[in-house]
PDB file of N, CA and C in Angstrom:
ATOM      1  N   MET A   1       5.826  12.266   4.020  1.00  0.00           N
ATOM      2  CA  MET A   1       4.951  12.513   3.311  1.00  0.00           C
ATOM      3  C   MET A   1       4.380  10.957   2.864  1.00  0.00           C
ATOM      4  N   HIS A   2       2.647  10.677   2.959  1.00  0.00           N
ATOM      5  CA  HIS A   2       1.913  10.104   2.622  1.00  0.00           C
ATOM      6  C   HIS A   2       0.794   9.887   1.750  1.00  0.00           C
ATOM      7  N   PRO A   3       0.592   8.807   0.817  1.00  0.00           N
ATOM      8  CA  PRO A   3      -0.396   8.987   0.065  1.00  0.00           C
ATOM      9  C   PRO A   3      -2.015   9.109   0.621  1.00  0.00           C
ATOM     10  N   HIS A   4      -2.894   9.567  -0.046  1.00  0.00           N
ATOM     11  CA  HIS A   4      -4.271   9.627   0.667  1.00  0.00           C
ATOM     12  C   HIS A   4      -4.502   8.350   1.371  1.00  0.00           C
ATOM     13  N   LEU A   5      -5.029   8.626   2.694  1.00  0.00           N
ATOM     14  CA  LEU A   5      -5.120   7.233   3.509  1.00  0.00           C
ATOM     15  C   LEU A   5      -6.465   6.886   3.651  1.00  0.00           C
ATOM     16  N   HIS A   6      -7.632   7.494   3.249  1.00  0.00           N
ATOM     17  CA  HIS A   6      -8.601   6.274   3.327  1.00  0.00           C
ATOM     18  C   HIS A   6      -8.675   5.959   1.845  1.00  0.00           C
ATOM     19  N   THR A   7      -8.461   4.634   1.357  1.00  0.00           N
ATOM     20  CA  THR A   7      -8.612   4.358   0.144  1.00  0.00           C
ATOM     21  C   THR A   7      -9.067   2.720   0.209  1.00  0.00           C
ATOM     22  N   LYS A   8      -9.423   2.430  -0.793  1.00  0.00           N
ATOM     23  CA  LYS A   8      -9.886   0.805  -0.609  1.00  0.00           C
ATOM     24  C   LYS A   8      -8.727   0.240  -0.143  1.00  0.00           C
ATOM     25  N   ASP A   9      -7.551   0.564  -0.911  1.00  0.00           N
ATOM     26  CA  ASP A   9      -6.406  -0.314  -0.782  1.00  0.00           C
ATOM     27  C   ASP A   9      -5.357   0.046   0.802  1.00  0.00           C
ATOM     28  N   ASN A  10      -5.903   0.592   1.626  1.00  0.00           N
ATOM     29  CA  ASN A  10      -5.887   1.104   2.817  1.00  0.00           C
ATOM     30  C   ASN A  10      -7.027   1.040   4.048  1.00  0.00           C
ATOM     31  N   ILE A  11      -7.467  -0.136   3.665  1.00  0.00           N
ATOM     32  CA  ILE A  11      -8.496  -0.271   4.862  1.00  0.00           C
ATOM     33  C   ILE A  11      -7.710  -1.026   5.998  1.00  0.00           C
ATOM     34  N   ALA A  12      -6.952  -2.021   5.695  1.00  0.00           N
ATOM     35  CA  ALA A  12      -6.032  -2.803   7.050  1.00  0.00           C
ATOM     36  C   ALA A  12      -5.595  -1.596   8.026  1.00  0.00           C
ATOM     37  N   CYS A  13      -5.412  -0.407   7.661  1.00  0.00           N
ATOM     38  CA  CYS A  13      -4.521   0.717   8.247  1.00  0.00           C
ATOM     39  C   CYS A  13      -5.666   1.628   8.969  1.00  0.00           C
ATOM     40  N   ASP A  14      -6.955   1.366   8.833  1.00  0.00           N
ATOM     41  CA  ASP A  14      -8.165   2.295   9.489  1.00  0.00           C
ATOM     42  C   ASP A  14      -7.567   2.641  10.634  1.00  0.00           C
ATOM     43  N   GLU A  15      -7.424   1.786  11.541  1.00  0.00           N
ATOM     44  CA  GLU A  15      -7.439   2.383  13.054  1.00  0.00           C
ATOM     45  C   GLU A  15      -6.208   2.915  13.182  1.00  0.00           C
ATOM     46  N   VAL A  16      -4.996   2.696  12.447  1.00  0.00           N
ATOM     47  CA  VAL A  16      -4.057   3.865  13.051  1.00  0.00           C
ATOM     48  C   VAL A  16      -4.358   5.262  12.626  1.00  0.00           C
ATOM     49  N   MET A  17      -4.853   5.162  11.025  1.00  0.00           N
ATOM     50  CA  MET A  17      -4.987   6.515  10.527  1.00  0.00           C
ATOM     51  C   MET A  17      -5.714   7.256  11.079  1.00  0.00           C
ATOM     52  N   THR A  18      -6.903   6.477  11.825  1.00  0.00           N
ATOM     53  CA  THR A  18      -7.903   7.259  13.068  1.00  0.00           C
ATOM     54  C   THR A  18      -7.418   7.844  14.101  1.00  0.00           C
ATOM     55  N   ALA A  19      -6.038   7.187  14.517  1.00  0.00           N
ATOM     56  CA  ALA A  19      -5.542   7.739  15.567  1.00  0.00           C
ATOM     57  C   ALA A  19      -4.859   8.954  15.237  1.00  0.00           C
ATOM     58  N   LEU A  20      -4.429   8.934  14.140  1.00  0.00           N
ATOM     59  CA  LEU A  20      -3.432   9.810  13.521  1.00  0.00           C
ATOM     60  C   LEU A  20      -4.625  11.078  12.960  1.00  0.00           C
ATOM     61  N   GLU A  21      -5.339  11.097  12.520  1.00  0.00           N
ATOM     62  CA  GLU A  21      -6.388  12.151  12.514  1.00  0.00           C
ATOM     63  C   GLU A  21      -6.673  12.603  13.783  1.00  0.00           C
ATOM     64  N   GLU A  22      -7.076  11.596  14.690  1.00  0.00           N
ATOM     65  CA  GLU A  22      -7.872  12.158  16.219  1.00  0.00           C
ATOM     66  C   GLU A  22      -6.653  13.379  16.957  1.00  0.00           C
ATOM     67  N   CYS A  23      -5.094  12.632  16.816  1.00  0.00           N
ATOM     68  CA  CYS A  23      -3.883  13.602  17.102  1.00  0.00           C
ATOM     69  C   CYS A  23      -3.880  14.855  16.353  1.00  0.00           C
ATOM     70  N   HIS A  24      -3.863  14.974  15.494  1.00  0.00           N
ATOM     71  CA  HIS A  24      -4.098  15.939  14.557  1.00  0.00           C
ATOM     72  C   HIS A  24      -5.022  16.944  14.592  1.00  0.00           C
ATOM     73  N   GLU A  25      -6.297  16.681  15.048  1.00  0.00           N
ATOM     74  CA  GLU A  25      -7.687  17.344  15.442  1.00  0.00           C
ATOM     75  C   GLU A  25      -7.332  18.090  16.874  1.00  0.00           C
ATOM     76  N   ARG A  26      -6.054  17.911  17.637  1.00  0.00           N
ATOM     77  CA  ARG A  26      -5.954  18.241  18.805  1.00  0.00           C
ATOM     78  C   ARG A  26      -5.725  19.700  18.924  1.00  0.00           C
ATOM     79  N   GLY A  27      -4.813  20.024  17.432  1.00  0.00           N
ATOM     80  CA  GLY A  27      -4.706  21.414  17.317  1.00  0.00           C
ATOM     81  C   GLY A  27      -3.166  21.695  16.956  1.00  0.00           C
ATOM     82  N   PHE A  28      -3.007  22.298  16.391  1.00  0.00           N
ATOM     83  CA  PHE A  28      -1.452  23.235  15.668  1.00  0.00           C
ATOM     84  C   PHE A  28      -0.389  23.041  16.388  1.00  0.00           C
ATOM     85  N   MET A  29      -0.567  23.338  17.897  1.00  0.00           N
ATOM     86  CA  MET A  29       0.543  23.218  18.679  1.00  0.00           C
ATOM     87  C   MET A  29       0.719  21.803  18.916  1.00  0.00           C
ATOM     88  N   TRP A  30      -0.492  21.008  19.021  1.00  0.00           N
ATOM     89  CA  TRP A  30       0.067  19.359  19.445  1.00  0.00           C
ATOM     90  C   TRP A  30       0.790  18.911  18.598  1.00  0.00           C
ATOM     91  N   LYS A  31       0.506  19.363  17.033  1.00  0.00           N
ATOM     92  CA  LYS A  31       1.090  18.705  15.749  1.00  0.00           C
ATOM     93  C   LYS A  31       2.639  19.590  15.766  1.00  0.00           C
ATOM     94  N   SER A  32       2.924  20.700  15.946  1.00  0.00           N
ATOM     95  CA  SER A  32       4.154  21.524  15.774  1.00  0.00           C
ATOM     96  C   SER A  32       5.247  20.623  16.727  1.00  0.00           C
ATOM     97  N   MET A  33       4.797  20.343  17.918  1.00  0.00           N
ATOM     98  CA  MET A  33       5.560  20.037  18.854  1.00  0.00           C
ATOM     99  C   MET A  33       6.017  18.345  18.687  1.00  0.00           C
ATOM    100  N   GLY A  34       5.698  18.043  17.879  1.00  0.00           N
ATOM    101  CA  GLY A  34       6.206  16.479  17.393  1.00  0.00           C
ATOM    102  C   GLY A  34       4.800  15.442  18.144  1.00  0.00           C
ATOM    103  N   MET A  35       3.833  15.891  18.779  1.00  0.00           N
ATOM    104  CA  MET A  35       3.397  14.884  19.623  1.00  0.00           C
ATOM    105  C   MET A  35       2.554  13.991  18.718  1.00  0.00           C
ATOM    106  N   CYS A  36       2.380  14.119  17.652  1.00  0.00           N
ATOM    107  CA  CYS A  36       1.593  13.179  16.808  1.00  0.00           C
ATOM    108  C   CYS A  36       2.879  12.428  15.930  1.00  0.00           C
ATOM    109  N   ASN A  37       3.913  12.389  15.925  1.00  0.00           N
ATOM    110  CA  ASN A  37       4.914  11.742  15.196  1.00  0.00           C
ATOM    111  C   ASN A  37       4.959  10.268  15.161  1.00  0.00           C
ATOM    112  N   ASP A  38       4.732   9.769  16.792  1.00  0.00           N
ATOM    113  CA  ASP A  38       4.366   8.240  16.846  1.00  0.00           C
ATOM    114  C   ASP A  38       3.481   7.539  16.172  1.00  0.00           C
ATOM    115  N   ALA A  39       2.267   8.399  15.975  1.00  0.00           N
ATOM    116  CA  ALA A  39       1.010   8.001  15.517  1.00  0.00           C
ATOM    117  C   ALA A  39       1.277   8.004  13.617  1.00  0.00           C
ATOM    118  N   LYS A  40       2.029   9.054  13.398  1.00  0.00           N
ATOM    119  CA  LYS A  40       2.635   9.079  11.999  1.00  0.00           C
ATOM    120  C   LYS A  40       3.356   8.168  11.336  1.00  0.00           C
ATOM    121  N   HIS A  41       4.129   7.707  12.362  1.00  0.00           N
ATOM    122  CA  HIS A  41       5.273   6.841  11.949  1.00  0.00           C
ATOM    123  C   HIS A  41       4.637   5.058  12.198  1.00  0.00           C
ATOM    124  N   LYS A  42       3.699   5.062  12.862  1.00  0.00           N
ATOM    125  CA  LYS A  42       2.884   3.874  12.809  1.00  0.00           C
ATOM    126  C   LYS A  42       2.155   3.844  11.464  1.00  0.00           C
ATOM    127  N   VAL A  43       1.514   4.499  11.172  1.00  0.00           N
ATOM    128  CA  VAL A  43       0.555   5.058   9.551  1.00  0.00           C
ATOM    129  C   VAL A  43       1.499   4.607   8.425  1.00  0.00           C
ATOM    130  N   ILE A  44       2.806   5.297   8.632  1.00  0.00           N
ATOM    131  CA  ILE A  44       3.505   4.983   7.401  1.00  0.00           C
ATOM    132  C   ILE A  44       3.947   3.417   7.457  1.00  0.00           C
ATOM    133  N   LEU A  45       4.490   3.177   8.433  1.00  0.00           N
ATOM    134  CA  LEU A  45       4.679   1.431   8.498  1.00  0.00           C
ATOM    135  C   LEU A  45       3.566   0.689   7.874  1.00  0.00           C
ATOM    136  N   CYS A  46       2.354   0.744   8.566  1.00  0.00           N
ATOM    137  CA  CYS A  46       1.269   0.137   7.886  1.00  0.00           C
ATOM    138  C   CYS A  46       1.126   0.423   6.514  1.00  0.00           C
ATOM    139  N   LEU A  47       0.819   1.443   5.983  1.00  0.00           N
ATOM    140  CA  LEU A  47       1.020   1.861   4.647  1.00  0.00           C
ATOM    141  C   LEU A  47       1.819   1.224   3.782  1.00  0.00           C
ATOM    142  N   ARG A  48       3.287   1.250   4.338  1.00  0.00           N
ATOM    143  CA  ARG A  48       4.214   0.485   3.457  1.00  0.00           C
ATOM    144  C   ARG A  48       4.021  -0.934   3.680  1.00  0.00           C
ATOM    145  N   ALA A  49       3.469  -1.656   4.765  1.00  0.00           N
ATOM    146  CA  ALA A  49       3.300  -3.335   4.614  1.00  0.00           C
ATOM    147  C   ALA A  49       2.505  -3.265   3.656  1.00  0.00           C
ATOM    148  N   GLU A  50       1.275  -2.573   3.419  1.00  0.00           N
ATOM    149  CA  GLU A  50       0.009  -2.734   2.443  1.00  0.00           C
ATOM    150  C   GLU A  50       0.243  -2.673   1.009  1.00  0.00           C
ATOM    151  N   ARG A  51       1.174  -1.558   0.960  1.00  0.00           N
ATOM    152  CA  ARG A  51       1.801  -1.607  -0.464  1.00  0.00           C
ATOM    153  C   ARG A  51       2.690  -2.636  -0.912  1.00  0.00           C
ATOM    154  N   LEU A  52       3.635  -3.020  -0.123  1.00  0.00           N
ATOM    155  CA  LEU A  52       4.510  -4.112  -0.341  1.00  0.00           C
ATOM    156  C   LEU A  52       3.465  -5.456  -0.663  1.00  0.00           C
ATOM    157  N   LYS A  53       2.502  -5.689   0.205  1.00  0.00           N
ATOM    158  CA  LYS A  53       1.511  -6.918  -0.325  1.00  0.00           C
ATOM    159  C   LYS A  53       0.678  -6.803  -1.467  1.00  0.00           C
ATOM    160  N   ARG A  54       0.234  -5.600  -2.010  1.00  0.00           N
ATOM    161  CA  ARG A  54      -0.114  -5.317  -3.063  1.00  0.00           C
ATOM    162  C   ARG A  54       1.039  -5.551  -4.556  1.00  0.00           C
ATOM    163  N   THR A  55       2.198  -5.172  -4.079  1.00  0.00           N
ATOM    164  CA  THR A  55       3.289  -5.287  -5.113  1.00  0.00           C
ATOM    165  C   THR A  55       3.476  -6.608  -4.953  1.00  0.00           C
ATOM    166  N   ALA A  56       3.796  -7.777  -4.390  1.00  0.00           N
ATOM    167  CA  ALA A  56       3.808  -9.078  -3.991  1.00  0.00           C
ATOM    168  C   ALA A  56       2.600  -9.508  -5.094  1.00  0.00           C
ATOM    169  N   ALA A  57       1.067  -9.082  -4.525  1.00  0.00           N
ATOM    170  CA  ALA A  57       0.036  -9.797  -5.528  1.00  0.00           C
ATOM    171  C   ALA A  57       0.431  -9.179  -7.058  1.00  0.00           C
ATOM    172  N   ASN A  58       1.002  -8.340  -7.097  1.00  0.00           N
ATOM    173  CA  ASN A  58       0.678  -7.562  -8.739  1.00  0.00           C
ATOM    174  C   ASN A  58       2.154  -8.594  -9.186  1.00  0.00           C
ATOM    175  N   ARG A  59       3.012  -8.228  -8.850  1.00  0.00           N
ATOM    176  CA  ARG A  59       4.174  -9.212  -8.984  1.00  0.00           C
ATOM    177  C   ARG A  59       3.587 -10.689  -9.903  1.00  0.00           C
ATOM    178  N   GLU A  60       3.393 -11.464  -8.775  1.00  0.00           N
ATOM    179  CA  GLU A  60       2.727 -12.895  -9.183  1.00  0.00           C
ATOM    180  C   GLU A  60       1.233 -12.998 -10.085  1.00  0.00           C
ATOM    181  N   ALA A  61       0.924 -11.903 -10.348  1.00  0.00           N
ATOM    182  CA  ALA A  61      -0.299 -11.925 -11.324  1.00  0.00           C
ATOM    183  C   ALA A  61       0.496 -11.680 -12.963  1.00  0.00           C
ATOM    184  N   ALA A  62       1.738 -10.544 -12.580  1.00  0.00           N
ATOM    185  CA  ALA A  62       2.565 -10.455 -14.010  1.00  0.00           C
ATOM    186  C   ALA A  62       3.000 -11.657 -14.284  1.00  0.00           C
ATOM    187  N   ARG A  63       3.797 -12.461 -13.369  1.00  0.00           N
ATOM    188  CA  ARG A  63       4.402 -13.815 -13.591  1.00  0.00           C
ATOM    189  C   ARG A  63       3.166 -14.569 -14.313  1.00  0.00           C
ATOM    190  N   VAL A  64       2.651 -15.230 -13.708  1.00  0.00           N
ATOM    191  CA  VAL A  64       1.111 -15.762 -14.477  1.00  0.00           C
ATOM    192  C   VAL A  64       0.854 -15.456 -15.457  1.00  0.00           C
ATOM    193  N   LYS A  65       1.085 -14.183 -15.858  1.00  0.00           N
ATOM    194  CA  LYS A  65       0.363 -13.607 -17.444  1.00  0.00           C
ATOM    195  C   LYS A  65       1.836 -14.011 -17.884  1.00  0.00           C
ATOM    196  N   ARG A  66       2.811 -13.913 -17.624  1.00  0.00           N
ATOM    197  CA  ARG A  66       4.051 -13.412 -18.742  1.00  0.00           C
ATOM    198  C   ARG A  66       3.909 -15.263 -19.327  1.00  0.00           C
ATOM    199  N   GLU A  67       3.953 -16.314 -18.192  1.00  0.00           N
ATOM    200  CA  GLU A  67       3.988 -17.838 -18.521  1.00  0.00           C
ATOM    201  C   GLU A  67       2.888 -17.741 -19.210  1.00  0.00           C
ATOM    202  N   LYS A  68       1.822 -17.205 -19.236  1.00  0.00           N
ATOM    203  CA  LYS A  68       0.723 -17.658 -20.217  1.00  0.00           C
ATOM    204  C   LYS A  68       0.993 -17.308 -21.678  1.00  0.00           C
ATOM    205  N   VAL A  69       1.696 -16.178 -21.625  1.00  0.00           N
ATOM    206  CA  VAL A  69       2.045 -15.338 -23.091  1.00  0.00           C
ATOM    207  C   VAL A  69       3.022 -16.543 -23.667  1.00  0.00           C
ATOM    208  N   LYS A  70       3.783 -16.854 -22.699  1.00  0.00           N
ATOM    209  CA  LYS A  70       5.017 -17.574 -23.165  1.00  0.00           C
ATOM    210  C   LYS A  70       4.870 -18.924 -24.075  1.00  0.00           C
ATOM    211  N   LYS A  71       3.733 -19.505 -23.263  1.00  0.00           N
ATOM    212  CA  LYS A  71       2.729 -20.601 -23.679  1.00  0.00           C
ATOM    213  C   LYS A  71       2.414 -20.483 -25.081  1.00  0.00           C
ATOM    214  N   ALA A  72       1.814 -19.415 -24.864  1.00  0.00           N
ATOM    215  CA  ALA A  72       1.071 -19.038 -26.189  1.00  0.00           C
ATOM    216  C   ALA A  72       1.784 -18.888 -27.405  1.00  0.00           C
ATOM    217  N   TRP A  73       3.110 -18.188 -27.171  1.00  0.00           N
ATOM    218  CA  TRP A  73       3.994 -17.909 -28.250  1.00  0.00           C
ATOM    219  C   TRP A  73       4.735 -19.188 -28.799  1.00  0.00           C
ATOM    220  N   ALA A  74       4.799 -19.969 -27.882  1.00  0.00           N
ATOM    221  CA  ALA A  74       5.597 -21.517 -27.763  1.00  0.00           C
ATOM    222  C   ALA A  74       4.599 -22.136 -28.548  1.00  0.00           C
ATOM    223  N   GLU A  75       3.568 -22.211 -28.619  1.00  0.00           N
ATOM    224  CA  GLU A  75       2.403 -22.911 -29.337  1.00  0.00           C
ATOM    225  C   GLU A  75       2.297 -22.429 -30.545  1.00  0.00           C
ATOM    226  N   ILE A  76       2.580 -20.991 -30.677  1.00  0.00           N
ATOM    227  CA  ILE A  76       2.175 -20.752 -32.011  1.00  0.00           C
ATOM    228  C   ILE A  76       3.829 -20.868 -33.116  1.00  0.00           C
ATOM    229  N   ASP A  77       4.936 -20.540 -32.196  1.00  0.00           N
ATOM    230  CA  ASP A  77       5.973 -21.213 -32.818  1.00  0.00           C
ATOM    231  C   ASP A  77       6.014 -23.014 -33.756  1.00  0.00           C
ATOM    232  N   GLU A  78       5.459 -23.710 -32.282  1.00  0.00           N
ATOM    233  CA  GLU A  78       5.429 -24.915 -33.029  1.00  0.00           C
ATOM    234  C   GLU A  78       4.538 -25.395 -33.834  1.00  0.00           C
ATOM    235  N   ASN A  79       3.261 -24.397 -34.148  1.00  0.00           N
ATOM    236  CA  ASN A  79       2.306 -24.409 -35.253  1.00  0.00           C
ATOM    237  C   ASN A  79       2.653 -23.828 -36.428  1.00  0.00           C
ATOM    238  N   SER A  80       4.025 -22.988 -36.768  1.00  0.00           N
ATOM    239  CA  SER A  80       4.627 -22.897 -37.624  1.00  0.00           C
ATOM    240  C   SER A  80       4.891 -23.102 -38.639  1.00  0.00           C
TER     241      SER A  80
END
């Protein structure tokens, strides 16, 4: 299972997502016989890589925000 494919967060995976969609357009038998498994695996790997990038960026932003709050509280404690 994978998330919605065409979102702003998955632009880098557009090429592999298009390949998967083209494979699925070949018909039910093509999909059911596992002929699209390689394309799906590539999509999953690409989406995972994009998610890991977003997670790292979010973690860094949270760290910066946490440090800012910590400094603000330290300043409040000093002035109290």
